[in-house]
């Protein structure tokens, strides 16, 4: 129970930081967490720290990667929309 209470804020902090990094001007900072996730999970599987006992385990490993990647894609789309909005605003000022 106490472990869950500690884990939840850590997960929220990591996801918030990942979202922040994914919405920056450059794309690469947002790729840090998905890459770390793949390295950590892959390393644990290779070192046999964790075992895949069922398809449910595979599902949750893939789900983590999908969540990180989805946040990154959403952040990049947000940056593109912001840039396009700024360009449209500049074009409208140029035409006046």
N, C-alpha and C. Protein backbone atom coordinates (compact mmCIF):
# COMPACT_ATOMS: atom_id res chain seq x y z
N UNK A 1 0.82 -1.19 0.00
CA UNK A 1 0.00 0.00 0.00
C UNK A 1 0.86 1.26 0.00
N UNK A 2 1.83 1.31 0.91
CA UNK A 2 2.72 2.47 0.99
C UNK A 2 3.55 2.58 -0.29
N UNK A 3 3.95 1.43 -0.83
CA UNK A 3 4.74 1.42 -2.05
C UNK A 3 3.95 2.02 -3.20
N UNK A 4 2.66 1.74 -3.28
CA UNK A 4 1.80 2.31 -4.32
C UNK A 4 1.67 3.81 -4.15
N UNK A 5 1.59 4.27 -2.91
CA UNK A 5 1.47 5.71 -2.66
C UNK A 5 2.74 6.46 -3.06
N UNK A 6 3.86 5.81 -3.02
CA UNK A 6 5.11 6.41 -3.46
C UNK A 6 5.24 6.33 -4.97
N UNK A 7 4.81 5.22 -5.54
CA UNK A 7 4.96 4.98 -6.97
C UNK A 7 4.08 5.91 -7.82
N UNK A 8 2.87 6.19 -7.37
CA UNK A 8 1.94 7.00 -8.17
C UNK A 8 2.49 8.40 -8.45
N UNK A 9 2.98 9.16 -7.45
CA UNK A 9 3.54 10.48 -7.78
C UNK A 9 4.77 10.40 -8.68
N UNK A 10 5.56 9.35 -8.54
CA UNK A 10 6.73 9.20 -9.40
C UNK A 10 6.30 9.00 -10.85
N UNK A 11 5.30 8.15 -11.07
CA UNK A 11 4.80 7.91 -12.43
C UNK A 11 4.21 9.19 -13.01
N UNK A 12 3.43 9.91 -12.21
CA UNK A 12 2.83 11.17 -12.68
C UNK A 12 3.93 12.18 -13.03
N UNK A 13 4.97 12.26 -12.21
CA UNK A 13 6.08 13.16 -12.47
C UNK A 13 6.80 12.79 -13.76
N UNK A 14 7.06 11.52 -13.96
CA UNK A 14 7.75 11.06 -15.18
C UNK A 14 6.90 11.36 -16.42
N UNK A 15 5.60 11.07 -16.36
CA UNK A 15 4.74 11.33 -17.51
C UNK A 15 4.61 12.83 -17.78
N UNK A 16 4.55 13.64 -16.73
CA UNK A 16 4.50 15.10 -16.90
C UNK A 16 5.77 15.63 -17.52
N UNK A 17 6.91 15.16 -17.04
CA UNK A 17 8.20 15.57 -17.60
C UNK A 17 8.32 15.13 -19.06
N UNK A 18 7.85 13.93 -19.34
CA UNK A 18 7.89 13.43 -20.71
C UNK A 18 7.03 14.29 -21.63
N UNK A 19 5.84 14.67 -21.16
CA UNK A 19 4.98 15.55 -21.95
C UNK A 19 5.66 16.89 -22.19
N UNK A 20 6.28 17.45 -21.15
CA UNK A 20 6.99 18.72 -21.28
C UNK A 20 8.10 18.61 -22.32
N UNK A 21 8.91 17.56 -22.24
CA UNK A 21 10.02 17.39 -23.18
C UNK A 21 9.52 17.14 -24.60
N UNK A 22 8.36 16.53 -24.73
CA UNK A 22 7.82 16.22 -26.06
C UNK A 22 7.26 17.45 -26.76
N UNK A 23 6.99 18.51 -26.02
CA UNK A 23 6.42 19.71 -26.63
C UNK A 23 7.46 20.81 -26.81
N UNK A 24 8.72 20.48 -26.73
CA UNK A 24 9.78 21.46 -26.95
C UNK A 24 10.04 21.63 -28.44
N UNK A 25 10.82 22.65 -28.78
CA UNK A 25 11.11 22.97 -30.17
C UNK A 25 11.78 21.80 -30.89
N UNK A 26 12.72 21.18 -30.25
CA UNK A 26 13.42 20.03 -30.85
C UNK A 26 12.70 18.74 -30.48
N UNK A 27 12.75 17.77 -31.37
CA UNK A 27 12.01 16.51 -31.16
C UNK A 27 12.76 15.53 -30.26
N UNK A 28 14.08 15.56 -30.25
CA UNK A 28 14.83 14.50 -29.58
C UNK A 28 14.66 14.43 -28.07
N UNK A 29 14.46 15.54 -27.32
CA UNK A 29 14.29 15.36 -25.87
C UNK A 29 13.10 14.47 -25.50
N UNK A 30 12.05 14.51 -26.30
CA UNK A 30 10.88 13.69 -26.03
C UNK A 30 11.09 12.21 -26.28
N UNK A 31 12.17 11.87 -26.97
CA UNK A 31 12.44 10.45 -27.24
C UNK A 31 13.26 9.79 -26.13
N UNK A 32 13.68 10.59 -25.15
CA UNK A 32 14.53 10.05 -24.08
C UNK A 32 13.81 8.96 -23.29
N UNK A 33 12.58 9.23 -22.83
CA UNK A 33 11.88 8.26 -22.00
C UNK A 33 11.49 6.98 -22.75
N UNK A 34 11.00 7.05 -23.99
CA UNK A 34 10.73 5.79 -24.69
C UNK A 34 11.99 4.94 -24.89
N UNK A 35 13.11 5.60 -25.18
CA UNK A 35 14.36 4.86 -25.37
C UNK A 35 14.81 4.23 -24.05
N UNK A 36 14.75 4.99 -22.97
CA UNK A 36 15.12 4.45 -21.66
C UNK A 36 14.21 3.28 -21.30
N UNK A 37 12.92 3.41 -21.58
CA UNK A 37 11.96 2.34 -21.27
C UNK A 37 12.33 1.06 -22.00
N UNK A 38 12.61 1.17 -23.30
CA UNK A 38 12.97 -0.02 -24.09
C UNK A 38 14.27 -0.63 -23.57
N UNK A 39 15.25 0.21 -23.25
CA UNK A 39 16.53 -0.30 -22.75
C UNK A 39 16.35 -1.01 -21.40
N UNK A 40 15.59 -0.41 -20.50
CA UNK A 40 15.40 -1.00 -19.17
C UNK A 40 14.63 -2.32 -19.26
N UNK A 41 13.51 -2.31 -19.98
CA UNK A 41 12.71 -3.53 -20.10
C UNK A 41 13.49 -4.60 -20.85
N UNK A 42 14.15 -4.21 -21.94
CA UNK A 42 14.96 -5.17 -22.70
C UNK A 42 16.09 -5.74 -21.86
N UNK A 43 16.75 -4.88 -21.10
CA UNK A 43 17.83 -5.33 -20.23
C UNK A 43 17.35 -6.29 -19.15
N UNK A 44 16.18 -5.99 -18.59
CA UNK A 44 15.63 -6.87 -17.57
C UNK A 44 15.24 -8.23 -18.15
N UNK A 45 14.71 -8.22 -19.36
CA UNK A 45 14.35 -9.49 -20.00
C UNK A 45 15.60 -10.31 -20.36
N UNK A 46 16.63 -9.63 -20.86
CA UNK A 46 17.87 -10.33 -21.22
C UNK A 46 18.56 -10.88 -19.97
N UNK A 47 18.60 -10.09 -18.90
CA UNK A 47 19.24 -10.52 -17.65
C UNK A 47 18.35 -11.45 -16.84
N UNK A 48 17.15 -11.67 -17.32
CA UNK A 48 16.17 -12.54 -16.67
C UNK A 48 15.83 -12.07 -15.26
N UNK A 49 15.79 -10.74 -15.09
CA UNK A 49 15.33 -10.15 -13.84
C UNK A 49 13.82 -10.31 -13.75
N UNK A 50 13.16 -10.15 -14.89
CA UNK A 50 11.71 -10.38 -14.98
C UNK A 50 11.48 -11.47 -16.02
N UNK A 51 10.40 -12.18 -15.85
CA UNK A 51 10.05 -13.24 -16.79
C UNK A 51 8.71 -12.94 -17.42
N UNK A 52 8.56 -13.37 -18.66
CA UNK A 52 7.27 -13.28 -19.32
C UNK A 52 6.55 -14.60 -19.07
N UNK A 53 5.52 -14.52 -18.24
CA UNK A 53 4.79 -15.73 -17.87
C UNK A 53 3.51 -15.90 -18.67
N UNK A 54 3.01 -14.80 -19.21
CA UNK A 54 1.76 -14.89 -19.97
C UNK A 54 1.71 -13.76 -21.00
N UNK A 55 0.70 -13.82 -21.84
CA UNK A 55 0.53 -12.76 -22.84
C UNK A 55 0.16 -11.44 -22.16
N UNK A 56 -0.37 -11.51 -20.95
CA UNK A 56 -0.70 -10.30 -20.20
C UNK A 56 0.57 -9.50 -19.89
N UNK A 57 1.66 -10.19 -19.56
CA UNK A 57 2.93 -9.51 -19.30
C UNK A 57 3.41 -8.77 -20.55
N UNK A 58 3.35 -9.43 -21.68
CA UNK A 58 3.75 -8.81 -22.95
C UNK A 58 2.89 -7.59 -23.22
N UNK A 59 1.58 -7.72 -22.98
CA UNK A 59 0.65 -6.62 -23.21
C UNK A 59 1.06 -5.39 -22.40
N UNK A 60 1.39 -5.57 -21.13
CA UNK A 60 1.73 -4.42 -20.29
C UNK A 60 3.08 -3.81 -20.67
N UNK A 61 4.04 -4.61 -21.11
CA UNK A 61 5.31 -4.05 -21.57
C UNK A 61 5.09 -3.21 -22.83
N UNK A 62 4.28 -3.72 -23.73
CA UNK A 62 3.98 -2.98 -24.97
C UNK A 62 3.15 -1.75 -24.65
N UNK A 63 2.22 -1.86 -23.72
CA UNK A 63 1.37 -0.73 -23.34
C UNK A 63 2.21 0.44 -22.82
N UNK A 64 3.22 0.16 -22.02
CA UNK A 64 4.10 1.22 -21.53
C UNK A 64 4.78 1.95 -22.67
N UNK A 65 5.29 1.21 -23.63
CA UNK A 65 5.94 1.82 -24.79
C UNK A 65 4.94 2.63 -25.60
N UNK A 66 3.74 2.10 -25.79
CA UNK A 66 2.71 2.80 -26.56
C UNK A 66 2.32 4.11 -25.86
N UNK A 67 2.23 4.10 -24.55
CA UNK A 67 1.89 5.32 -23.82
C UNK A 67 2.98 6.37 -24.00
N UNK A 68 4.23 6.00 -23.82
CA UNK A 68 5.33 6.95 -24.02
C UNK A 68 5.36 7.48 -25.45
N UNK A 69 5.19 6.60 -26.42
CA UNK A 69 5.22 7.01 -27.82
C UNK A 69 4.02 7.89 -28.15
N UNK A 70 2.86 7.55 -27.62
CA UNK A 70 1.66 8.36 -27.86
C UNK A 70 1.79 9.77 -27.31
N UNK A 71 2.36 9.90 -26.12
CA UNK A 71 2.59 11.23 -25.54
C UNK A 71 3.55 12.01 -26.42
N UNK A 72 4.59 11.35 -26.91
CA UNK A 72 5.57 12.03 -27.77
C UNK A 72 4.91 12.50 -29.07
N UNK A 73 4.14 11.64 -29.71
CA UNK A 73 3.47 12.00 -30.97
C UNK A 73 2.50 13.16 -30.73
N UNK A 74 1.74 13.11 -29.66
CA UNK A 74 0.80 14.18 -29.33
C UNK A 74 1.54 15.50 -29.11
N UNK A 75 2.67 15.44 -28.44
CA UNK A 75 3.49 16.63 -28.22
C UNK A 75 4.02 17.21 -29.51
N UNK A 76 4.48 16.35 -30.41
CA UNK A 76 4.99 16.83 -31.70
C UNK A 76 3.87 17.46 -32.53
N UNK A 77 2.68 16.86 -32.50
CA UNK A 77 1.54 17.45 -33.21
C UNK A 77 1.20 18.82 -32.65
N UNK A 78 1.28 18.96 -31.34
CA UNK A 78 1.01 20.24 -30.69
C UNK A 78 2.01 21.30 -31.15
N UNK A 79 3.28 20.93 -31.24
CA UNK A 79 4.31 21.86 -31.70
C UNK A 79 4.05 22.26 -33.15
N UNK A 80 3.70 21.31 -34.00
CA UNK A 80 3.42 21.62 -35.41
C UNK A 80 2.25 22.58 -35.54
N UNK A 81 1.20 22.35 -34.75
CA UNK A 81 0.02 23.23 -34.81
C UNK A 81 0.38 24.64 -34.35
N UNK A 82 1.20 24.75 -33.30
CA UNK A 82 1.64 26.06 -32.82
C UNK A 82 2.44 26.79 -33.88
N UNK A 83 3.36 26.08 -34.51
CA UNK A 83 4.18 26.69 -35.57
C UNK A 83 3.31 27.15 -36.73
N UNK A 84 2.37 26.32 -37.14
CA UNK A 84 1.49 26.68 -38.25
C UNK A 84 0.64 27.89 -37.89
N UNK A 85 0.17 27.94 -36.67
CA UNK A 85 -0.63 29.08 -36.21
C UNK A 85 0.20 30.37 -36.26
N UNK A 86 1.46 30.29 -35.82
CA UNK A 86 2.35 31.45 -35.87
C UNK A 86 2.62 31.88 -37.31
N UNK A 87 2.83 30.90 -38.20
CA UNK A 87 3.05 31.23 -39.61
C UNK A 87 1.83 31.88 -40.23
N UNK A 88 0.66 31.36 -39.93
CA UNK A 88 -0.57 31.96 -40.45
C UNK A 88 -0.75 33.38 -39.95
N UNK A 89 -0.41 33.60 -38.68
CA UNK A 89 -0.51 34.94 -38.10
C UNK A 89 0.46 35.89 -38.80
N UNK A 90 1.69 35.43 -39.06
CA UNK A 90 2.68 36.26 -39.74
C UNK A 90 2.24 36.57 -41.16
N UNK A 91 1.68 35.58 -41.86
CA UNK A 91 1.21 35.80 -43.23
C UNK A 91 0.08 36.81 -43.26
N UNK A 92 -0.83 36.74 -42.30
CA UNK A 92 -1.95 37.69 -42.28
C UNK A 92 -1.46 39.10 -41.99
N UNK A 93 -0.42 39.26 -41.18
CA UNK A 93 0.14 40.59 -40.93
C UNK A 93 0.88 41.10 -42.16
N UNK A 94 1.53 40.22 -42.90
CA UNK A 94 2.24 40.62 -44.12
C UNK A 94 1.28 41.10 -45.20
N UNK A 95 0.10 40.51 -45.27
CA UNK A 95 -0.87 40.87 -46.31
C UNK A 95 -1.56 42.20 -46.01
N UNK A 96 -1.53 42.63 -44.78
CA UNK A 96 -2.22 43.89 -44.43
C UNK A 96 -1.41 45.06 -44.75
